[in-house]
PDB file of N, CA and C in Angstrom:
ATOM      1  N   MET A   1      11.412 -29.280 -21.498  1.00  0.00           N
ATOM      2  CA  MET A   1      11.394 -28.251 -20.474  1.00  0.00           C
ATOM      3  C   MET A   1      11.493 -26.865 -21.094  1.00  0.00           C
ATOM      4  N   ASN A   2      12.283 -26.718 -22.109  1.00  0.00           N
ATOM      5  CA  ASN A   2      12.463 -25.438 -22.784  1.00  0.00           C
ATOM      6  C   ASN A   2      11.139 -24.939 -23.364  1.00  0.00           C
ATOM      7  N   GLN A   3      10.311 -25.835 -23.878  1.00  0.00           N
ATOM      8  CA  GLN A   3       9.005 -25.480 -24.446  1.00  0.00           C
ATOM      9  C   GLN A   3       8.089 -24.872 -23.384  1.00  0.00           C
ATOM     10  N   HIS A   4       8.129 -25.387 -22.163  1.00  0.00           N
ATOM     11  CA  HIS A   4       7.305 -24.860 -21.074  1.00  0.00           C
ATOM     12  C   HIS A   4       7.701 -23.430 -20.725  1.00  0.00           C
ATOM     13  N   TRP A   5       8.994 -23.143 -20.702  1.00  0.00           N
ATOM     14  CA  TRP A   5       9.466 -21.792 -20.405  1.00  0.00           C
ATOM     15  C   TRP A   5       9.030 -20.811 -21.481  1.00  0.00           C
ATOM     16  N   LYS A   6       9.055 -21.252 -22.747  1.00  0.00           N
ATOM     17  CA  LYS A   6       8.606 -20.378 -23.846  1.00  0.00           C
ATOM     18  C   LYS A   6       7.124 -20.053 -23.687  1.00  0.00           C
ATOM     19  N   MET A   7       6.325 -21.065 -23.383  1.00  0.00           N
ATOM     20  CA  MET A   7       4.888 -20.842 -23.203  1.00  0.00           C
ATOM     21  C   MET A   7       4.627 -19.919 -22.005  1.00  0.00           C
ATOM     22  N   PHE A   8       5.369 -20.113 -20.922  1.00  0.00           N
ATOM     23  CA  PHE A   8       5.238 -19.263 -19.743  1.00  0.00           C
ATOM     24  C   PHE A   8       5.599 -17.818 -20.083  1.00  0.00           C
ATOM     25  N   ALA A   9       6.697 -17.636 -20.808  1.00  0.00           N
ATOM     26  CA  ALA A   9       7.145 -16.285 -21.187  1.00  0.00           C
ATOM     27  C   ALA A   9       6.120 -15.605 -22.088  1.00  0.00           C
ATOM     28  N   ILE A  10       5.556 -16.326 -23.029  1.00  0.00           N
ATOM     29  CA  ILE A  10       4.547 -15.753 -23.930  1.00  0.00           C
ATOM     30  C   ILE A  10       3.294 -15.373 -23.146  1.00  0.00           C
ATOM     31  N   ALA A  11       2.856 -16.245 -22.251  1.00  0.00           N
ATOM     32  CA  ALA A  11       1.666 -15.950 -21.432  1.00  0.00           C
ATOM     33  C   ALA A  11       1.912 -14.743 -20.539  1.00  0.00           C
ATOM     34  N   LEU A  12       3.094 -14.664 -19.942  1.00  0.00           N
ATOM     35  CA  LEU A  12       3.429 -13.533 -19.079  1.00  0.00           C
ATOM     36  C   LEU A  12       3.449 -12.223 -19.865  1.00  0.00           C
ATOM     37  N   MET A  13       4.024 -12.247 -21.057  1.00  0.00           N
ATOM     38  CA  MET A  13       4.061 -11.039 -21.901  1.00  0.00           C
ATOM     39  C   MET A  13       2.649 -10.630 -22.300  1.00  0.00           C
ATOM     40  N   ALA A  14       1.800 -11.577 -22.625  1.00  0.00           N
ATOM     41  CA  ALA A  14       0.421 -11.259 -23.016  1.00  0.00           C
ATOM     42  C   ALA A  14      -0.330 -10.604 -21.862  1.00  0.00           C
ATOM     43  N   ILE A  15      -0.159 -11.130 -20.668  1.00  0.00           N
ATOM     44  CA  ILE A  15      -0.815 -10.543 -19.495  1.00  0.00           C
ATOM     45  C   ILE A  15      -0.324  -9.118 -19.268  1.00  0.00           C
ATOM     46  N   CYS A  16       0.977  -8.897 -19.388  1.00  0.00           N
ATOM     47  CA  CYS A  16       1.532  -7.549 -19.205  1.00  0.00           C
ATOM     48  C   CYS A  16       0.978  -6.570 -20.230  1.00  0.00           C
ATOM     49  N   VAL A  17       0.862  -6.992 -21.480  1.00  0.00           N
ATOM     50  CA  VAL A  17       0.325  -6.111 -22.526  1.00  0.00           C
ATOM     51  C   VAL A  17      -1.124  -5.767 -22.235  1.00  0.00           C
ATOM     52  N   ILE A  18      -1.911  -6.751 -21.861  1.00  0.00           N
ATOM     53  CA  ILE A  18      -3.329  -6.514 -21.573  1.00  0.00           C
ATOM     54  C   ILE A  18      -3.496  -5.569 -20.395  1.00  0.00           C
ATOM     55  N   LEU A  19      -2.739  -5.792 -19.334  1.00  0.00           N
ATOM     56  CA  LEU A  19      -2.859  -4.940 -18.160  1.00  0.00           C
ATOM     57  C   LEU A  19      -2.338  -3.534 -18.416  1.00  0.00           C
ATOM     58  N   SER A  20      -1.327  -3.381 -19.245  1.00  0.00           N
ATOM     59  CA  SER A  20      -0.769  -2.053 -19.501  1.00  0.00           C
ATOM     60  C   SER A  20      -1.668  -1.202 -20.371  1.00  0.00           C
ATOM     61  N   CYS A  21      -2.583  -1.809 -21.107  1.00  0.00           N
ATOM     62  CA  CYS A  21      -3.476  -1.002 -21.948  1.00  0.00           C
ATOM     63  C   CYS A  21      -4.535  -0.294 -21.115  1.00  0.00           C
ATOM     64  N   GLY A  22      -4.702  -0.694 -19.865  1.00  0.00           N
ATOM     65  CA  GLY A  22      -5.641  -0.014 -18.989  1.00  0.00           C
ATOM     66  C   GLY A  22      -7.087  -0.381 -19.228  1.00  0.00           C
ATOM     67  N   CYS A  23      -7.328  -1.383 -20.073  1.00  0.00           N
ATOM     68  CA  CYS A  23      -8.711  -1.692 -20.412  1.00  0.00           C
ATOM     69  C   CYS A  23      -9.315  -2.758 -19.511  1.00  0.00           C
ATOM     70  N   ILE A  24      -8.536  -3.372 -18.666  1.00  0.00           N
ATOM     71  CA  ILE A  24      -9.075  -4.369 -17.750  1.00  0.00           C
ATOM     72  C   ILE A  24      -9.149  -3.767 -16.362  1.00  0.00           C
ATOM     73  N   GLY A  25     -10.271  -3.912 -15.739  1.00  0.00           N
ATOM     74  CA  GLY A  25     -10.409  -3.444 -14.374  1.00  0.00           C
ATOM     75  C   GLY A  25     -10.504  -1.930 -14.235  1.00  0.00           C
ATOM     76  N   GLU A  26     -10.766  -1.251 -15.339  1.00  0.00           N
ATOM     77  CA  GLU A  26     -10.868   0.200 -15.274  1.00  0.00           C
ATOM     78  C   GLU A  26     -12.151   0.559 -14.538  1.00  0.00           C
ATOM     79  N   LYS A  27     -12.007   1.193 -13.408  1.00  0.00           N
ATOM     80  CA  LYS A  27     -13.141   1.492 -12.552  1.00  0.00           C
ATOM     81  C   LYS A  27     -13.563   2.941 -12.747  1.00  0.00           C
ATOM     82  N   ALA A  28     -14.829   3.128 -12.940  1.00  0.00           N
ATOM     83  CA  ALA A  28     -15.360   4.477 -13.140  1.00  0.00           C
ATOM     84  C   ALA A  28     -15.615   5.163 -11.802  1.00  0.00           C
ATOM     85  N   ASP A  29     -15.433   6.472 -11.800  1.00  0.00           N
ATOM     86  CA  ASP A  29     -15.818   7.272 -10.643  1.00  0.00           C
ATOM     87  C   ASP A  29     -17.337   7.419 -10.674  1.00  0.00           C
ATOM     88  N   LYS A  30     -17.960   7.421  -9.514  1.00  0.00           N
ATOM     89  CA  LYS A  30     -19.405   7.594  -9.433  1.00  0.00           C
ATOM     90  C   LYS A  30     -19.729   9.083  -9.499  1.00  0.00           C
ATOM     91  N   ILE A  31     -20.672   9.424 -10.347  1.00  0.00           N
ATOM     92  CA  ILE A  31     -21.058  10.827 -10.507  1.00  0.00           C
ATOM     93  C   ILE A  31     -21.574  11.385  -9.182  1.00  0.00           C
ATOM     94  N   GLY A  32     -22.334  10.602  -8.442  1.00  0.00           N
ATOM     95  CA  GLY A  32     -22.854  11.050  -7.145  1.00  0.00           C
ATOM     96  C   GLY A  32     -21.751  11.424  -6.170  1.00  0.00           C
ATOM     97  N   ASP A  33     -20.639  10.669  -6.197  1.00  0.00           N
ATOM     98  CA  ASP A  33     -19.507  10.992  -5.326  1.00  0.00           C
ATOM     99  C   ASP A  33     -18.896  12.339  -5.716  1.00  0.00           C
ATOM    100  N   ILE A  34     -18.772  12.577  -7.017  1.00  0.00           N
ATOM    101  CA  ILE A  34     -18.212  13.841  -7.503  1.00  0.00           C
ATOM    102  C   ILE A  34     -19.107  15.000  -7.100  1.00  0.00           C
ATOM    103  N   MET A  35     -20.404  14.847  -7.296  1.00  0.00           N
ATOM    104  CA  MET A  35     -21.341  15.939  -7.022  1.00  0.00           C
ATOM    105  C   MET A  35     -21.527  16.191  -5.522  1.00  0.00           C
ATOM    106  N   SER A  36     -21.359  15.163  -4.697  1.00  0.00           N
ATOM    107  CA  SER A  36     -21.549  15.369  -3.264  1.00  0.00           C
ATOM    108  C   SER A  36     -20.319  15.989  -2.603  1.00  0.00           C
ATOM    109  N   ASN A  37     -19.173  15.922  -3.252  1.00  0.00           N
ATOM    110  CA  ASN A  37     -17.966  16.512  -2.686  1.00  0.00           C
ATOM    111  C   ASN A  37     -17.083  17.072  -3.810  1.00  0.00           C
ATOM    112  N   PRO A  38     -17.577  18.084  -4.526  1.00  0.00           N
ATOM    113  CA  PRO A  38     -16.845  18.580  -5.703  1.00  0.00           C
ATOM    114  C   PRO A  38     -15.474  19.159  -5.387  1.00  0.00           C
ATOM    115  N   SER A  39     -15.280  19.726  -4.201  1.00  0.00           N
ATOM    116  CA  SER A  39     -13.977  20.311  -3.883  1.00  0.00           C
ATOM    117  C   SER A  39     -12.887  19.239  -3.814  1.00  0.00           C
ATOM    118  N   GLU A  40     -13.257  18.023  -3.453  1.00  0.00           N
ATOM    119  CA  GLU A  40     -12.291  16.926  -3.398  1.00  0.00           C
ATOM    120  C   GLU A  40     -11.820  16.528  -4.807  1.00  0.00           C
ATOM    121  N   TYR A  41     -12.684  16.717  -5.791  1.00  0.00           N
ATOM    122  CA  TYR A  41     -12.380  16.317  -7.162  1.00  0.00           C
ATOM    123  C   TYR A  41     -11.899  17.469  -8.041  1.00  0.00           C
ATOM    124  N   GLU A  42     -11.999  18.696  -7.561  1.00  0.00           N
ATOM    125  CA  GLU A  42     -11.632  19.892  -8.352  1.00  0.00           C
ATOM    126  C   GLU A  42     -10.230  19.738  -8.948  1.00  0.00           C
ATOM    127  N   GLY A  43     -10.143  19.861 -10.279  1.00  0.00           N
ATOM    128  CA  GLY A  43      -8.874  19.774 -10.987  1.00  0.00           C
ATOM    129  C   GLY A  43      -8.374  18.358 -11.214  1.00  0.00           C
ATOM    130  N   GLU A  44      -9.089  17.368 -10.705  1.00  0.00           N
ATOM    131  CA  GLU A  44      -8.682  15.969 -10.843  1.00  0.00           C
ATOM    132  C   GLU A  44      -9.242  15.375 -12.135  1.00  0.00           C
ATOM    133  N   THR A  45      -8.509  14.423 -12.693  1.00  0.00           N
ATOM    134  CA  THR A  45      -8.988  13.668 -13.846  1.00  0.00           C
ATOM    135  C   THR A  45      -9.829  12.512 -13.336  1.00  0.00           C
ATOM    136  N   VAL A  46     -11.020  12.373 -13.897  1.00  0.00           N
ATOM    137  CA  VAL A  46     -11.934  11.301 -13.510  1.00  0.00           C
ATOM    138  C   VAL A  46     -12.349  10.525 -14.751  1.00  0.00           C
ATOM    139  N   MET A  47     -12.867   9.331 -14.533  1.00  0.00           N
ATOM    140  CA  MET A  47     -13.447   8.542 -15.605  1.00  0.00           C
ATOM    141  C   MET A  47     -14.856   8.198 -15.165  1.00  0.00           C
ATOM    142  N   ILE A  48     -15.838   8.667 -15.935  1.00  0.00           N
ATOM    143  CA  ILE A  48     -17.233   8.405 -15.597  1.00  0.00           C
ATOM    144  C   ILE A  48     -17.897   7.641 -16.736  1.00  0.00           C
ATOM    145  N   LYS A  49     -18.874   6.839 -16.373  1.00  0.00           N
ATOM    146  CA  LYS A  49     -19.649   6.070 -17.354  1.00  0.00           C
ATOM    147  C   LYS A  49     -21.114   6.359 -17.102  1.00  0.00           C
ATOM    148  N   GLY A  50     -21.873   6.536 -18.175  1.00  0.00           N
ATOM    149  CA  GLY A  50     -23.285   6.800 -17.988  1.00  0.00           C
ATOM    150  C   GLY A  50     -24.025   6.971 -19.297  1.00  0.00           C
ATOM    151  N   THR A  51     -25.222   7.490 -19.179  1.00  0.00           N
ATOM    152  CA  THR A  51     -26.111   7.693 -20.313  1.00  0.00           C
ATOM    153  C   THR A  51     -26.293   9.184 -20.544  1.00  0.00           C
ATOM    154  N   VAL A  52     -26.248   9.597 -21.810  1.00  0.00           N
ATOM    155  CA  VAL A  52     -26.430  11.000 -22.183  1.00  0.00           C
ATOM    156  C   VAL A  52     -27.912  11.326 -22.148  1.00  0.00           C
ATOM    157  N   HIS A  53     -28.263  12.452 -21.493  1.00  0.00           N
ATOM    158  CA  HIS A  53     -29.665  12.840 -21.406  1.00  0.00           C
ATOM    159  C   HIS A  53     -29.953  14.150 -22.125  1.00  0.00           C
ATOM    160  N   ASP A  54     -29.454  15.226 -21.656  1.00  0.00           N
ATOM    161  CA  ASP A  54     -29.705  16.524 -22.273  1.00  0.00           C
ATOM    162  C   ASP A  54     -28.461  16.938 -23.042  1.00  0.00           C
ATOM    163  N   THR A  55     -28.662  17.569 -24.184  1.00  0.00           N
ATOM    164  CA  THR A  55     -27.521  18.048 -24.961  1.00  0.00           C
ATOM    165  C   THR A  55     -27.741  19.503 -25.343  1.00  0.00           C
ATOM    166  N   PHE A  56     -26.647  20.214 -25.488  1.00  0.00           N
ATOM    167  CA  PHE A  56     -26.676  21.609 -25.918  1.00  0.00           C
ATOM    168  C   PHE A  56     -25.466  21.822 -26.808  1.00  0.00           C
ATOM    169  N   SER A  57     -25.697  22.307 -28.015  1.00  0.00           N
ATOM    170  CA  SER A  57     -24.573  22.575 -28.902  1.00  0.00           C
ATOM    171  C   SER A  57     -24.743  23.933 -29.556  1.00  0.00           C
ATOM    172  N   ILE A  58     -23.618  24.517 -29.892  1.00  0.00           N
ATOM    173  CA  ILE A  58     -23.600  25.817 -30.558  1.00  0.00           C
ATOM    174  C   ILE A  58     -23.479  25.551 -32.054  1.00  0.00           C
ATOM    175  N   PRO A  59     -24.452  26.006 -32.848  1.00  0.00           N
ATOM    176  CA  PRO A  59     -24.425  25.741 -34.286  1.00  0.00           C
ATOM    177  C   PRO A  59     -23.133  26.248 -34.940  1.00  0.00           C
ATOM    178  N   LEU A  60     -22.674  25.505 -35.925  1.00  0.00           N
ATOM    179  CA  LEU A  60     -21.521  25.818 -36.762  1.00  0.00           C
ATOM    180  C   LEU A  60     -20.169  25.637 -36.082  1.00  0.00           C
ATOM    181  N   ILE A  61     -20.148  25.325 -34.791  1.00  0.00           N
ATOM    182  CA  ILE A  61     -18.891  24.965 -34.141  1.00  0.00           C
ATOM    183  C   ILE A  61     -19.117  23.692 -33.347  1.00  0.00           C
ATOM    184  N   SER A  62     -18.059  23.030 -33.002  1.00  0.00           N
ATOM    185  CA  SER A  62     -18.209  21.721 -32.369  1.00  0.00           C
ATOM    186  C   SER A  62     -18.279  21.788 -30.851  1.00  0.00           C
ATOM    187  N   GLN A  63     -18.405  22.973 -30.271  1.00  0.00           N
ATOM    188  CA  GLN A  63     -18.480  23.067 -28.818  1.00  0.00           C
ATOM    189  C   GLN A  63     -19.907  22.855 -28.331  1.00  0.00           C
ATOM    190  N   GLY A  64     -19.996  22.321 -27.130  1.00  0.00           N
ATOM    191  CA  GLY A  64     -21.309  22.106 -26.552  1.00  0.00           C
ATOM    192  C   GLY A  64     -21.201  21.477 -25.181  1.00  0.00           C
ATOM    193  N   ALA A  65     -22.331  21.012 -24.687  1.00  0.00           N
ATOM    194  CA  ALA A  65     -22.394  20.378 -23.379  1.00  0.00           C
ATOM    195  C   ALA A  65     -23.479  19.317 -23.407  1.00  0.00           C
ATOM    196  N   TYR A  66     -23.328  18.342 -22.544  1.00  0.00           N
ATOM    197  CA  TYR A  66     -24.355  17.318 -22.404  1.00  0.00           C
ATOM    198  C   TYR A  66     -24.383  16.842 -20.966  1.00  0.00           C
ATOM    199  N   LYS A  67     -25.569  16.455 -20.528  1.00  0.00           N
ATOM    200  CA  LYS A  67     -25.733  15.926 -19.173  1.00  0.00           C
ATOM    201  C   LYS A  67     -25.590  14.417 -19.242  1.00  0.00           C
ATOM    202  N   MET A  68     -24.792  13.900 -18.329  1.00  0.00           N
ATOM    203  CA  MET A  68     -24.532  12.473 -18.279  1.00  0.00           C
ATOM    204  C   MET A  68     -24.963  11.958 -16.908  1.00  0.00           C
ATOM    205  N   SER A  69     -25.641  10.812 -16.882  1.00  0.00           N
ATOM    206  CA  SER A  69     -26.151  10.252 -15.624  1.00  0.00           C
ATOM    207  C   SER A  69     -25.722   8.803 -15.465  1.00  0.00           C
ATOM    208  N   ASP A  70     -25.425   8.437 -14.219  1.00  0.00           N
ATOM    209  CA  ASP A  70     -25.287   7.037 -13.857  1.00  0.00           C
ATOM    210  C   ASP A  70     -26.324   6.768 -12.769  1.00  0.00           C
ATOM    211  N   ASN A  71     -26.253   5.637 -12.116  1.00  0.00           N
ATOM    212  CA  ASN A  71     -27.280   5.340 -11.108  1.00  0.00           C
ATOM    213  C   ASN A  71     -27.063   6.088  -9.790  1.00  0.00           C
ATOM    214  N   THR A  72     -26.058   7.004  -9.752  1.00  0.00           N
ATOM    215  CA  THR A  72     -25.807   7.772  -8.520  1.00  0.00           C
ATOM    216  C   THR A  72     -26.071   9.264  -8.670  1.00  0.00           C
ATOM    217  N   GLY A  73     -26.227   9.743  -9.893  1.00  0.00           N
ATOM    218  CA  GLY A  73     -26.444  11.174 -10.093  1.00  0.00           C
ATOM    219  C   GLY A  73     -26.173  11.588 -11.532  1.00  0.00           C
ATOM    220  N   SER A  74     -26.129  12.902 -11.753  1.00  0.00           N
ATOM    221  CA  SER A  74     -25.868  13.421 -13.100  1.00  0.00           C
ATOM    222  C   SER A  74     -24.939  14.628 -13.011  1.00  0.00           C
ATOM    223  N   ILE A  75     -24.237  14.881 -14.125  1.00  0.00           N
ATOM    224  CA  ILE A  75     -23.285  15.977 -14.199  1.00  0.00           C
ATOM    225  C   ILE A  75     -23.218  16.461 -15.650  1.00  0.00           C
ATOM    226  N   TRP A  76     -22.951  17.748 -15.825  1.00  0.00           N
ATOM    227  CA  TRP A  76     -22.775  18.307 -17.161  1.00  0.00           C
ATOM    228  C   TRP A  76     -21.337  18.080 -17.609  1.00  0.00           C
ATOM    229  N   VAL A  77     -21.177  17.733 -18.874  1.00  0.00           N
ATOM    230  CA  VAL A  77     -19.866  17.531 -19.484  1.00  0.00           C
ATOM    231  C   VAL A  77     -19.712  18.563 -20.602  1.00  0.00           C
ATOM    232  N   ILE A  78     -18.600  19.291 -20.582  1.00  0.00           N
ATOM    233  CA  ILE A  78     -18.301  20.295 -21.601  1.00  0.00           C
ATOM    234  C   ILE A  78     -17.395  19.652 -22.648  1.00  0.00           C
ATOM    235  N   THR A  79     -17.712  19.843 -23.922  1.00  0.00           N
ATOM    236  CA  THR A  79     -16.948  19.208 -24.987  1.00  0.00           C
ATOM    237  C   THR A  79     -16.595  20.185 -26.100  1.00  0.00           C
ATOM    238  N   THR A  80     -15.522  19.893 -26.794  1.00  0.00           N
ATOM    239  CA  THR A  80     -15.152  20.650 -27.998  1.00  0.00           C
ATOM    240  C   THR A  80     -15.183  19.738 -29.217  1.00  0.00           C
ATOM    241  N   ARG A  81     -15.766  18.552 -29.073  1.00  0.00           N
ATOM    242  CA  ARG A  81     -15.818  17.572 -30.164  1.00  0.00           C
ATOM    243  C   ARG A  81     -17.227  17.326 -30.675  1.00  0.00           C
ATOM    244  N   GLY A  82     -18.178  18.121 -30.310  1.00  0.00           N
ATOM    245  CA  GLY A  82     -19.563  17.845 -30.671  1.00  0.00           C
ATOM    246  C   GLY A  82     -20.191  16.964 -29.610  1.00  0.00           C
ATOM    247  N   VAL A  83     -21.494  17.063 -29.480  1.00  0.00           N
ATOM    248  CA  VAL A  83     -22.186  16.320 -28.425  1.00  0.00           C
ATOM    249  C   VAL A  83     -22.603  14.936 -28.919  1.00  0.00           C
ATOM    250  N   PRO A  84     -22.629  13.963 -28.027  1.00  0.00           N
ATOM    251  CA  PRO A  84     -23.129  12.634 -28.402  1.00  0.00           C
ATOM    252  C   PRO A  84     -24.652  12.659 -28.492  1.00  0.00           C
ATOM    253  N   SER A  85     -25.220  11.586 -28.957  1.00  0.00           N
ATOM    254  CA  SER A  85     -26.674  11.476 -29.096  1.00  0.00           C
ATOM    255  C   SER A  85     -27.322  11.220 -27.743  1.00  0.00           C
ATOM    256  N   GLU A  86     -28.503  11.784 -27.547  1.00  0.00           N
ATOM    257  CA  GLU A  86     -29.237  11.519 -26.311  1.00  0.00           C
ATOM    258  C   GLU A  86     -29.566  10.034 -26.248  1.00  0.00           C
ATOM    259  N   GLY A  87     -29.410   9.467 -25.052  1.00  0.00           N
ATOM    260  CA  GLY A  87     -29.652   8.043 -24.843  1.00  0.00           C
ATOM    261  C   GLY A  87     -28.419   7.178 -25.062  1.00  0.00           C
ATOM    262  N   GLU A  88     -27.359   7.752 -25.622  1.00  0.00           N
ATOM    263  CA  GLU A  88     -26.136   6.991 -25.873  1.00  0.00           C
ATOM    264  C   GLU A  88     -25.435   6.682 -24.554  1.00  0.00           C
ATOM    265  N   LYS A  89     -24.930   5.457 -24.435  1.00  0.00           N
ATOM    266  CA  LYS A  89     -24.151   5.053 -23.265  1.00  0.00           C
ATOM    267  C   LYS A  89     -22.685   5.265 -23.612  1.00  0.00           C
ATOM    268  N   ILE A  90     -22.001   6.059 -22.770  1.00  0.00           N
ATOM    269  CA  ILE A  90     -20.622   6.433 -23.056  1.00  0.00           C
ATOM    270  C   ILE A  90     -19.760   6.395 -21.805  1.00  0.00           C
ATOM    271  N   SER A  91     -18.463   6.413 -22.018  1.00  0.00           N
ATOM    272  CA  SER A  91     -17.520   6.639 -20.925  1.00  0.00           C
ATOM    273  C   SER A  91     -16.709   7.868 -21.299  1.00  0.00           C
ATOM    274  N   VAL A  92     -16.419   8.681 -20.298  1.00  0.00           N
ATOM    275  CA  VAL A  92     -15.718   9.945 -20.503  1.00  0.00           C
ATOM    276  C   VAL A  92     -14.586  10.056 -19.496  1.00  0.00           C
ATOM    277  N   GLU A  93     -13.424  10.445 -20.001  1.00  0.00           N
ATOM    278  CA  GLU A  93     -12.336  10.814 -19.115  1.00  0.00           C
ATOM    279  C   GLU A  93     -12.181  12.318 -19.237  1.00  0.00           C
ATOM    280  N   GLY A  94     -12.147  12.996 -18.117  1.00  0.00           N
ATOM    281  CA  GLY A  94     -12.056  14.447 -18.154  1.00  0.00           C
ATOM    282  C   GLY A  94     -11.675  15.024 -16.805  1.00  0.00           C
ATOM    283  N   THR A  95     -11.634  16.345 -16.761  1.00  0.00           N
ATOM    284  CA  THR A  95     -11.210  17.058 -15.565  1.00  0.00           C
ATOM    285  C   THR A  95     -12.397  17.746 -14.908  1.00  0.00           C
ATOM    286  N   VAL A  96     -12.509  17.591 -13.608  1.00  0.00           N
ATOM    287  CA  VAL A  96     -13.593  18.211 -12.846  1.00  0.00           C
ATOM    288  C   VAL A  96     -13.247  19.682 -12.643  1.00  0.00           C
ATOM    289  N   ARG A  97     -14.209  20.547 -12.936  1.00  0.00           N
ATOM    290  CA  ARG A  97     -14.023  21.996 -12.815  1.00  0.00           C
ATOM    291  C   ARG A  97     -15.273  22.628 -12.202  1.00  0.00           C
ATOM    292  N   THR A  98     -15.087  23.794 -11.616  1.00  0.00           N
ATOM    293  CA  THR A  98     -16.214  24.615 -11.191  1.00  0.00           C
ATOM    294  C   THR A  98     -16.749  25.305 -12.438  1.00  0.00           C
ATOM    295  N   ALA A  99     -18.073  25.271 -12.614  1.00  0.00           N
ATOM    296  CA  ALA A  99     -18.669  25.877 -13.803  1.00  0.00           C
ATOM    297  C   ALA A  99     -18.346  27.363 -13.871  1.00  0.00           C
ATOM    298  N   PHE A 100     -18.568  28.082 -12.774  1.00  0.00           N
ATOM    299  CA  PHE A 100     -18.164  29.494 -12.706  1.00  0.00           C
ATOM    300  C   PHE A 100     -18.126  29.942 -11.258  1.00  0.00           C
ATOM    301  N   LYS A 101     -17.392  31.000 -11.029  1.00  0.00           N
ATOM    302  CA  LYS A 101     -17.288  31.580  -9.684  1.00  0.00           C
ATOM    303  C   LYS A 101     -17.740  33.021  -9.747  1.00  0.00           C
ATOM    304  N   LEU A 102     -18.423  33.434  -8.706  1.00  0.00           N
ATOM    305  CA  LEU A 102     -18.905  34.803  -8.612  1.00  0.00           C
ATOM    306  C   LEU A 102     -18.711  35.260  -7.171  1.00  0.00           C
ATOM    307  N   GLY A 103     -17.912  36.290  -6.991  1.00  0.00           N
ATOM    308  CA  GLY A 103     -17.649  36.798  -5.652  1.00  0.00           C
ATOM    309  C   GLY A 103     -17.036  35.765  -4.728  1.00  0.00           C
ATOM    310  N   GLY A 104     -16.170  34.928  -5.266  1.00  0.00           N
ATOM    311  CA  GLY A 104     -15.518  33.904  -4.459  1.00  0.00           C
ATOM    312  C   GLY A 104     -16.367  32.680  -4.198  1.00  0.00           C
ATOM    313  N   GLN A 105     -17.606  32.679  -4.658  1.00  0.00           N
ATOM    314  CA  GLN A 105     -18.520  31.553  -4.462  1.00  0.00           C
ATOM    315  C   GLN A 105     -18.535  30.692  -5.726  1.00  0.00           C
ATOM    316  N   SER A 106     -18.430  29.370  -5.563  1.00  0.00           N
ATOM    317  CA  SER A 106     -18.466  28.436  -6.685  1.00  0.00           C
ATOM    318  C   SER A 106     -19.903  28.048  -7.002  1.00  0.00           C
ATOM    319  N   PHE A 107     -20.205  27.992  -8.292  1.00  0.00           N
ATOM    320  CA  PHE A 107     -21.538  27.600  -8.740  1.00  0.00           C
ATOM    321  C   PHE A 107     -21.418  26.488  -9.774  1.00  0.00           C
ATOM    322  N   GLY A 108     -21.891  25.337  -9.415  1.00  0.00           N
ATOM    323  CA  GLY A 108     -21.946  24.225 -10.352  1.00  0.00           C
ATOM    324  C   GLY A 108     -20.614  23.513 -10.541  1.00  0.00           C
ATOM    325  N   THR A 109     -20.716  22.253 -10.893  1.00  0.00           N
ATOM    326  CA  THR A 109     -19.559  21.420 -11.160  1.00  0.00           C
ATOM    327  C   THR A 109     -19.747  20.764 -12.515  1.00  0.00           C
ATOM    328  N   VAL A 110     -18.705  20.758 -13.325  1.00  0.00           N
ATOM    329  CA  VAL A 110     -18.744  20.152 -14.650  1.00  0.00           C
ATOM    330  C   VAL A 110     -17.499  19.297 -14.844  1.00  0.00           C
ATOM    331  N   VAL A 111     -17.548  18.460 -15.855  1.00  0.00           N
ATOM    332  CA  VAL A 111     -16.373  17.720 -16.303  1.00  0.00           C
ATOM    333  C   VAL A 111     -16.023  18.249 -17.683  1.00  0.00           C
ATOM    334  N   THR A 112     -14.775  18.662 -17.857  1.00  0.00           N
ATOM    335  CA  THR A 112     -14.288  19.075 -19.169  1.00  0.00           C
ATOM    336  C   THR A 112     -13.766  17.830 -19.860  1.00  0.00           C
ATOM    337  N   GLU A 113     -14.410  17.467 -20.945  1.00  0.00           N
ATOM    338  CA  GLU A 113     -14.110  16.212 -21.632  1.00  0.00           C
ATOM    339  C   GLU A 113     -12.700  16.191 -22.211  1.00  0.00           C
ATOM    340  N   GLY A 114     -11.976  15.109 -21.914  1.00  0.00           N
ATOM    341  CA  GLY A 114     -10.675  14.876 -22.519  1.00  0.00           C
ATOM    342  C   GLY A 114     -10.786  13.829 -23.610  1.00  0.00           C
ATOM    343  N   SER A 115     -11.476  12.735 -23.296  1.00  0.00           N
ATOM    344  CA  SER A 115     -11.718  11.685 -24.274  1.00  0.00           C
ATOM    345  C   SER A 115     -13.082  11.061 -24.004  1.00  0.00           C
ATOM    346  N   ARG A 116     -13.631  10.448 -25.049  1.00  0.00           N
ATOM    347  CA  ARG A 116     -14.970   9.847 -24.938  1.00  0.00           C
ATOM    348  C   ARG A 116     -15.013   8.586 -25.784  1.00  0.00           C
ATOM    349  N   GLU A 117     -15.674   7.576 -25.263  1.00  0.00           N
ATOM    350  CA  GLU A 117     -15.876   6.352 -26.007  1.00  0.00           C
ATOM    351  C   GLU A 117     -17.310   5.890 -25.841  1.00  0.00           C
ATOM    352  N   SER A 118     -17.870   5.336 -26.929  1.00  0.00           N
ATOM    353  CA  SER A 118     -19.178   4.705 -26.814  1.00  0.00           C
ATOM    354  C   SER A 118     -19.004   3.457 -25.984  1.00  0.00           C
ATOM    355  N   SER A 119     -19.965   3.181 -25.147  1.00  0.00           N
ATOM    356  CA  SER A 119     -19.860   2.033 -24.247  1.00  0.00           C
ATOM    357  C   SER A 119     -20.611   0.850 -24.825  1.00  0.00           C
ATOM    358  N   TRP A 120     -19.959  -0.265 -24.866  1.00  0.00           N
ATOM    359  CA  TRP A 120     -20.594  -1.501 -25.301  1.00  0.00           C
ATOM    360  C   TRP A 120     -21.025  -2.321 -24.101  1.00  0.00           C
ATOM    361  N   PHE A 121     -20.698  -1.842 -22.922  1.00  0.00           N
ATOM    362  CA  PHE A 121     -20.988  -2.550 -21.685  1.00  0.00           C
ATOM    363  C   PHE A 121     -22.247  -1.971 -21.047  1.00  0.00           C
ATOM    364  N   ASN A 122     -22.785  -2.665 -20.083  1.00  0.00           N
ATOM    365  CA  ASN A 122     -23.932  -2.164 -19.331  1.00  0.00           C
ATOM    366  C   ASN A 122     -23.465  -1.142 -18.322  1.00  0.00           C
ATOM    367  N   ILE A 123     -24.221  -0.091 -18.152  1.00  0.00           N
ATOM    368  CA  ILE A 123     -23.882   0.963 -17.200  1.00  0.00           C
ATOM    369  C   ILE A 123     -24.842   0.903 -16.045  1.00  0.00           C
TER     370      ILE A 123
END
């Protein structure tokens, strides 16, 4: 009987470790949802998954931007780590921001990149 409790305890601990890493069941926000209601997401941390399409980088520094698309829409991502390759499938965690404001009017929505990972999964 003691052996069964040990196996149960080990299995329970393994499940807790896996779930606490956040890598199981991590659901991405849809880019289309963000773009259709940007004020709801303003200042919020989101996790998006998609494919890199357009890139823009400033030579000699690692800042730049890239457009990321999923099957619901596309959004520009601002980065200070250098841009990924076009066509690369990635996941990004970042903060939704207004690109700029002029006269109290908001223009454009971007995600400021916090972290990025290459995706091995289908997007």
